[in-house]
N, C-alpha and C. Protein backbone atom coordinates (compact mmCIF):
# COMPACT_ATOMS: atom_id res chain seq x y z
N MET A 1 -23.06 -52.05 -83.04
CA MET A 1 -24.62 -51.72 -82.54
C MET A 1 -24.58 -52.84 -81.69
N VAL A 2 -24.74 -53.99 -81.48
CA VAL A 2 -24.27 -55.09 -80.94
C VAL A 2 -23.79 -54.76 -78.95
N THR A 3 -22.51 -54.52 -79.59
CA THR A 3 -21.41 -54.23 -78.45
C THR A 3 -22.55 -52.94 -77.28
N ARG A 4 -22.66 -51.93 -78.22
CA ARG A 4 -23.49 -50.32 -77.61
C ARG A 4 -24.38 -51.25 -76.25
N ASP A 5 -25.21 -52.26 -77.13
CA ASP A 5 -26.80 -52.44 -76.58
C ASP A 5 -26.15 -53.33 -75.43
N ILE A 6 -25.27 -53.94 -75.32
CA ILE A 6 -24.73 -54.83 -74.55
C ILE A 6 -24.01 -53.99 -73.17
N LEU A 7 -23.81 -52.85 -74.25
CA LEU A 7 -22.84 -51.88 -72.82
C LEU A 7 -24.43 -51.34 -72.24
N TYR A 8 -25.15 -50.67 -72.47
CA TYR A 8 -26.23 -50.23 -72.05
C TYR A 8 -27.22 -51.18 -71.40
N ILE A 9 -27.34 -52.60 -71.42
CA ILE A 9 -27.87 -53.55 -70.71
C ILE A 9 -27.34 -53.42 -69.16
N SER A 10 -25.99 -53.51 -69.59
CA SER A 10 -25.21 -54.34 -68.27
C SER A 10 -25.11 -53.34 -68.04
N LEU A 11 -24.88 -51.48 -68.01
CA LEU A 11 -25.16 -50.30 -67.07
C LEU A 11 -26.26 -50.24 -66.32
N SER A 12 -27.53 -50.74 -67.25
CA SER A 12 -28.94 -50.69 -66.99
C SER A 12 -29.22 -51.29 -65.60
N VAL A 13 -28.36 -53.38 -65.74
CA VAL A 13 -28.42 -53.49 -65.28
C VAL A 13 -27.53 -53.24 -63.65
N ALA A 14 -26.49 -52.75 -63.64
CA ALA A 14 -25.94 -52.30 -62.18
C ALA A 14 -26.47 -51.45 -61.83
N ALA A 15 -26.65 -50.00 -62.48
CA ALA A 15 -27.40 -49.43 -61.65
C ALA A 15 -28.65 -49.66 -61.52
N LEU A 16 -29.43 -50.80 -61.77
CA LEU A 16 -30.73 -51.44 -61.10
C LEU A 16 -30.33 -51.79 -59.89
N THR A 17 -29.22 -52.58 -59.94
CA THR A 17 -28.51 -53.73 -58.28
C THR A 17 -28.51 -52.49 -57.86
N ALA A 18 -27.60 -51.21 -58.00
CA ALA A 18 -27.45 -50.26 -56.89
C ALA A 18 -28.43 -49.95 -56.51
N THR A 19 -29.66 -49.52 -57.11
CA THR A 19 -30.50 -48.69 -56.68
C THR A 19 -31.37 -49.91 -55.44
N VAL A 20 -31.62 -51.38 -55.98
CA VAL A 20 -31.74 -51.95 -54.85
C VAL A 20 -30.96 -51.85 -53.68
N PHE A 21 -29.72 -52.23 -53.87
CA PHE A 21 -28.67 -52.17 -52.66
C PHE A 21 -29.26 -50.94 -51.85
N TRP A 22 -29.08 -49.91 -52.28
CA TRP A 22 -29.38 -48.81 -51.55
C TRP A 22 -30.57 -48.21 -50.81
N VAL A 23 -31.48 -48.85 -51.89
CA VAL A 23 -33.34 -49.30 -51.24
C VAL A 23 -33.17 -49.94 -49.50
N TRP A 24 -32.38 -51.05 -49.96
CA TRP A 24 -32.18 -52.12 -48.76
C TRP A 24 -31.54 -51.36 -48.00
N LEU A 25 -30.85 -50.74 -48.08
CA LEU A 25 -29.44 -50.11 -46.96
C LEU A 25 -30.35 -49.07 -46.20
N LEU A 26 -31.04 -47.92 -47.18
CA LEU A 26 -31.64 -47.05 -46.64
C LEU A 26 -33.03 -47.91 -45.35
N TRP A 27 -33.42 -48.95 -46.20
CA TRP A 27 -34.45 -49.77 -44.66
C TRP A 27 -34.21 -50.20 -44.22
N TYR A 28 -33.12 -50.93 -43.90
CA TYR A 28 -32.38 -50.77 -42.78
C TYR A 28 -31.76 -50.26 -41.40
N MET A 29 -31.63 -48.99 -42.93
CA MET A 29 -31.04 -47.46 -41.46
C MET A 29 -32.14 -47.31 -41.03
N ILE A 30 -33.40 -47.14 -41.86
CA ILE A 30 -34.51 -46.94 -41.25
C ILE A 30 -35.00 -47.34 -40.08
N ARG A 31 -35.01 -48.81 -40.31
CA ARG A 31 -35.30 -49.56 -39.38
C ARG A 31 -34.27 -49.15 -37.86
N ILE A 32 -33.38 -48.93 -37.93
CA ILE A 32 -32.41 -48.51 -36.88
C ILE A 32 -32.54 -47.32 -36.47
N PHE A 33 -32.71 -46.93 -36.72
CA PHE A 33 -32.99 -45.22 -36.31
C PHE A 33 -34.61 -45.19 -35.63
N LYS A 34 -35.55 -46.13 -36.69
CA LYS A 34 -36.93 -46.24 -35.31
C LYS A 34 -36.61 -46.75 -34.20
N SER A 35 -35.45 -48.08 -34.17
CA SER A 35 -34.90 -48.52 -33.00
C SER A 35 -35.14 -47.83 -31.96
N ILE A 36 -33.28 -47.18 -32.10
CA ILE A 36 -33.13 -46.58 -31.61
C ILE A 36 -33.84 -45.15 -30.84
N GLU A 37 -34.66 -44.83 -31.59
CA GLU A 37 -35.64 -43.79 -31.18
C GLU A 37 -36.32 -44.12 -29.92
N GLY A 38 -37.06 -45.63 -30.40
CA GLY A 38 -37.70 -46.37 -29.01
C GLY A 38 -36.94 -46.47 -28.17
N LEU A 39 -35.33 -46.94 -28.56
CA LEU A 39 -34.81 -46.91 -26.76
C LEU A 39 -34.78 -45.76 -26.42
N VAL A 40 -34.31 -44.37 -27.01
CA VAL A 40 -34.53 -43.15 -26.01
C VAL A 40 -35.52 -42.52 -25.80
N GLU A 41 -36.57 -43.23 -25.85
CA GLU A 41 -37.89 -42.75 -25.48
C GLU A 41 -38.10 -43.45 -24.37
N ASP A 42 -37.84 -45.04 -24.29
CA ASP A 42 -37.62 -45.81 -22.96
C ASP A 42 -36.85 -44.66 -21.99
N PHE A 43 -35.72 -44.80 -22.51
CA PHE A 43 -34.55 -43.86 -21.66
C PHE A 43 -35.15 -42.71 -20.88
N ARG A 44 -35.84 -42.11 -21.47
CA ARG A 44 -36.50 -40.94 -21.21
C ARG A 44 -37.20 -41.04 -20.12
N ASP A 45 -38.47 -42.16 -20.64
CA ASP A 45 -39.31 -42.74 -19.73
C ASP A 45 -39.01 -43.17 -17.94
N ARG A 46 -37.48 -43.95 -18.62
CA ARG A 46 -36.77 -44.28 -17.18
C ARG A 46 -36.09 -43.12 -16.34
N LEU A 47 -35.48 -41.91 -16.81
CA LEU A 47 -34.86 -41.36 -16.71
C LEU A 47 -36.22 -40.48 -15.49
N SER A 48 -37.22 -40.29 -16.34
CA SER A 48 -38.11 -39.45 -15.84
C SER A 48 -38.54 -40.12 -14.42
N THR A 49 -38.55 -41.46 -14.44
CA THR A 49 -39.46 -42.50 -13.54
C THR A 49 -38.05 -41.52 -12.46
N ILE A 50 -37.24 -41.77 -12.29
CA ILE A 50 -35.66 -42.15 -11.55
C ILE A 50 -35.78 -40.70 -10.99
N ASP A 51 -36.06 -39.25 -11.91
CA ASP A 51 -36.00 -38.13 -11.21
C ASP A 51 -36.88 -37.52 -10.27
N THR A 52 -38.06 -38.49 -10.55
CA THR A 52 -39.60 -38.26 -9.68
C THR A 52 -39.07 -39.11 -8.58
N ILE A 53 -38.53 -40.26 -8.30
CA ILE A 53 -38.53 -40.84 -7.02
C ILE A 53 -37.38 -40.02 -6.36
N LEU A 54 -36.18 -39.25 -7.16
CA LEU A 54 -35.41 -38.48 -6.17
C LEU A 54 -35.31 -37.28 -5.62
N ASN A 55 -36.64 -37.10 -6.34
CA ASN A 55 -37.48 -35.70 -5.89
C ASN A 55 -38.41 -36.42 -4.63
N THR A 56 -39.08 -37.20 -4.62
CA THR A 56 -40.00 -37.91 -3.71
C THR A 56 -39.07 -38.23 -2.22
N ILE A 57 -37.55 -38.58 -2.54
CA ILE A 57 -36.64 -38.97 -1.85
C ILE A 57 -36.38 -37.97 -1.30
N HIS A 58 -35.68 -36.97 -2.23
CA HIS A 58 -35.16 -35.58 -1.87
C HIS A 58 -36.23 -34.79 -0.60
N GLU A 59 -37.57 -34.60 -1.03
CA GLU A 59 -39.08 -34.23 0.16
C GLU A 59 -38.95 -34.49 0.80
N LYS A 60 -38.56 -36.03 1.44
CA LYS A 60 -38.75 -36.89 2.62
C LYS A 60 -37.63 -36.52 3.44
N LEU A 61 -36.88 -36.71 2.80
CA LEU A 61 -35.14 -35.87 3.67
C LEU A 61 -35.45 -34.80 4.33
N ASN A 62 -35.80 -33.68 3.74
CA ASN A 62 -36.34 -32.47 3.93
C ASN A 62 -37.45 -32.18 5.28
N SER A 63 -38.19 -33.10 4.31
CA SER A 63 -39.37 -32.94 5.41
C SER A 63 -38.68 -33.51 6.95
N THR A 64 -37.99 -34.95 6.99
CA THR A 64 -37.36 -36.02 8.19
C THR A 64 -36.61 -34.68 8.45
N HIS A 65 -35.82 -34.11 7.72
CA HIS A 65 -34.56 -33.18 8.65
C HIS A 65 -35.74 -32.37 9.15
N VAL A 66 -36.45 -32.21 9.29
CA VAL A 66 -37.07 -30.36 10.38
C VAL A 66 -37.35 -31.41 11.29
N GLN A 67 -38.32 -32.82 11.08
CA GLN A 67 -38.87 -32.85 12.08
C GLN A 67 -37.93 -33.67 12.96
N LEU A 68 -36.42 -34.44 12.55
CA LEU A 68 -35.25 -34.58 13.47
C LEU A 68 -34.69 -33.30 14.02
N SER A 69 -34.69 -31.62 13.32
CA SER A 69 -34.27 -30.77 14.34
C SER A 69 -34.88 -30.65 15.19
N LEU A 70 -36.40 -30.70 15.00
CA LEU A 70 -37.56 -29.92 15.91
C LEU A 70 -37.23 -31.58 17.02
N LEU A 71 -37.01 -32.70 16.51
CA LEU A 71 -36.95 -33.74 17.95
C LEU A 71 -35.37 -33.37 18.27
N VAL A 72 -34.28 -33.29 18.03
CA VAL A 72 -33.10 -33.11 18.69
C VAL A 72 -33.32 -31.96 19.92
N GLU A 73 -34.71 -30.46 19.35
CA GLU A 73 -34.61 -29.78 19.98
C GLU A 73 -34.79 -29.75 21.38
N GLY A 74 -35.74 -30.62 20.88
CA GLY A 74 -36.95 -30.79 22.16
C GLY A 74 -36.19 -32.21 23.33
N VAL A 75 -35.39 -32.63 22.85
CA VAL A 75 -34.09 -33.63 23.70
C VAL A 75 -33.34 -33.05 23.95
N LYS A 76 -32.95 -31.49 23.57
CA LYS A 76 -32.07 -30.70 24.05
C LYS A 76 -32.70 -30.47 25.60
N GLN A 77 -34.06 -29.10 25.02
CA GLN A 77 -34.48 -28.79 26.32
C GLN A 77 -34.87 -29.80 27.74
N LEU A 78 -35.11 -31.07 26.83
CA LEU A 78 -35.51 -32.69 27.99
C LEU A 78 -34.27 -32.23 29.08
N MET A 79 -33.58 -32.48 28.28
CA MET A 79 -32.03 -32.72 28.53
C MET A 79 -31.63 -31.73 29.43
N SER A 80 -31.71 -30.11 29.66
CA SER A 80 -31.62 -28.92 30.21
C SER A 80 -32.62 -29.30 31.37
N PHE A 81 -33.85 -29.20 31.09
CA PHE A 81 -35.09 -29.31 32.21
C PHE A 81 -34.61 -30.60 32.98
N ILE A 82 -34.08 -31.66 32.86
CA ILE A 82 -33.51 -32.88 33.78
C ILE A 82 -32.41 -32.54 34.32
N ASN A 83 -31.53 -31.94 33.37
CA ASN A 83 -29.94 -31.41 34.05
C ASN A 83 -30.74 -30.28 35.27
N THR A 84 -31.55 -29.05 35.65
CA THR A 84 -31.61 -28.18 36.23
C THR A 84 -32.26 -28.89 37.55
N ARG A 85 -33.18 -29.64 37.31
CA ARG A 85 -34.15 -30.04 38.72
C ARG A 85 -32.98 -31.51 39.56
N ARG A 86 -32.11 -31.43 38.03
CA ARG A 86 -31.01 -32.70 39.44
C ARG A 86 -30.26 -31.33 40.56
N GLU A 87 -29.91 -30.22 39.27
CA GLU A 87 -29.42 -29.55 40.56
C GLU A 87 -29.56 -28.43 41.50
N THR A 88 -31.41 -28.80 41.16
CA THR A 88 -32.53 -28.04 41.89
C THR A 88 -31.83 -29.36 43.31
N LYS A 89 -32.39 -29.91 43.17
CA LYS A 89 -32.21 -31.70 43.85
C LYS A 89 -31.37 -31.60 45.35
N LYS A 90 -29.98 -31.42 44.00
CA LYS A 90 -29.30 -32.07 44.41
C LYS A 90 -28.52 -29.74 46.31
N ARG A 91 -29.03 -29.41 45.48
CA ARG A 91 -28.89 -28.12 46.52
C ARG A 91 -29.68 -27.76 47.61
N ARG A 92 -31.41 -28.37 47.50
CA ARG A 92 -31.63 -28.78 48.28
C ARG A 92 -31.38 -29.99 49.72
N SER A 93 -31.00 -31.16 48.55
CA SER A 93 -30.11 -31.94 49.49
C SER A 93 -29.36 -31.20 50.29
N ASN A 94 -27.96 -30.65 49.82
CA ASN A 94 -26.86 -30.12 50.30
C ASN A 94 -27.52 -28.98 51.23
N SER A 95 -28.24 -28.09 51.05
CA SER A 95 -28.42 -27.25 52.77
C SER A 95 -29.46 -27.87 53.69
N ARG A 96 -30.33 -28.96 53.09
CA ARG A 96 -30.51 -29.96 54.42
C ARG A 96 -29.87 -30.46 54.86
N ALA A 97 -28.67 -30.98 54.12
CA ALA A 97 -27.62 -32.13 54.79
C ALA A 97 -26.84 -30.38 56.27
N SER A 98 -26.80 -29.50 55.18
CA SER A 98 -26.09 -28.72 56.23
C SER A 98 -26.79 -27.71 57.15
N SER A 99 -28.42 -27.67 57.00
CA SER A 99 -28.65 -27.52 58.26
C SER A 99 -29.57 -28.95 59.09
N SER A 100 -29.14 -29.80 58.87
CA SER A 100 -29.23 -31.15 59.97
C SER A 100 -27.70 -31.62 60.87
N THR A 101 -26.65 -31.22 60.62
CA THR A 101 -25.45 -31.23 61.46
C THR A 101 -25.11 -30.22 62.06
N ASP A 102 -26.21 -29.09 61.84
CA ASP A 102 -26.13 -28.08 62.86
C ASP A 102 -26.85 -28.45 64.15
N ASP A 103 -28.08 -28.98 63.79
CA ASP A 103 -28.85 -30.00 65.02
C ASP A 103 -27.96 -30.74 65.67
N PHE A 104 -26.72 -31.47 65.55
CA PHE A 104 -26.36 -32.01 66.35
C PHE A 104 -25.08 -31.10 67.38
């Protein structure tokens, strides 16, 4: 009976030690998962901030694109206006030169 009692005591100590080890291991795993959850939440917040920044930049570039296209169109019209004025001045100066040559 003594050997059986020693066997039961050693088995119960081994079971208790294994239980303590598993509880300790699970406690650390839970802490690790909580830490990972915090990192994921922080990462999501940063991605949300980056997404907001990129959307703002995209909207500003689109509005700038519209403004620049209007500006380019205005410059085109201004250049065509200047070119037509130059052409009309050349025509006037050519027509005056031809009439003044006739006078001599």
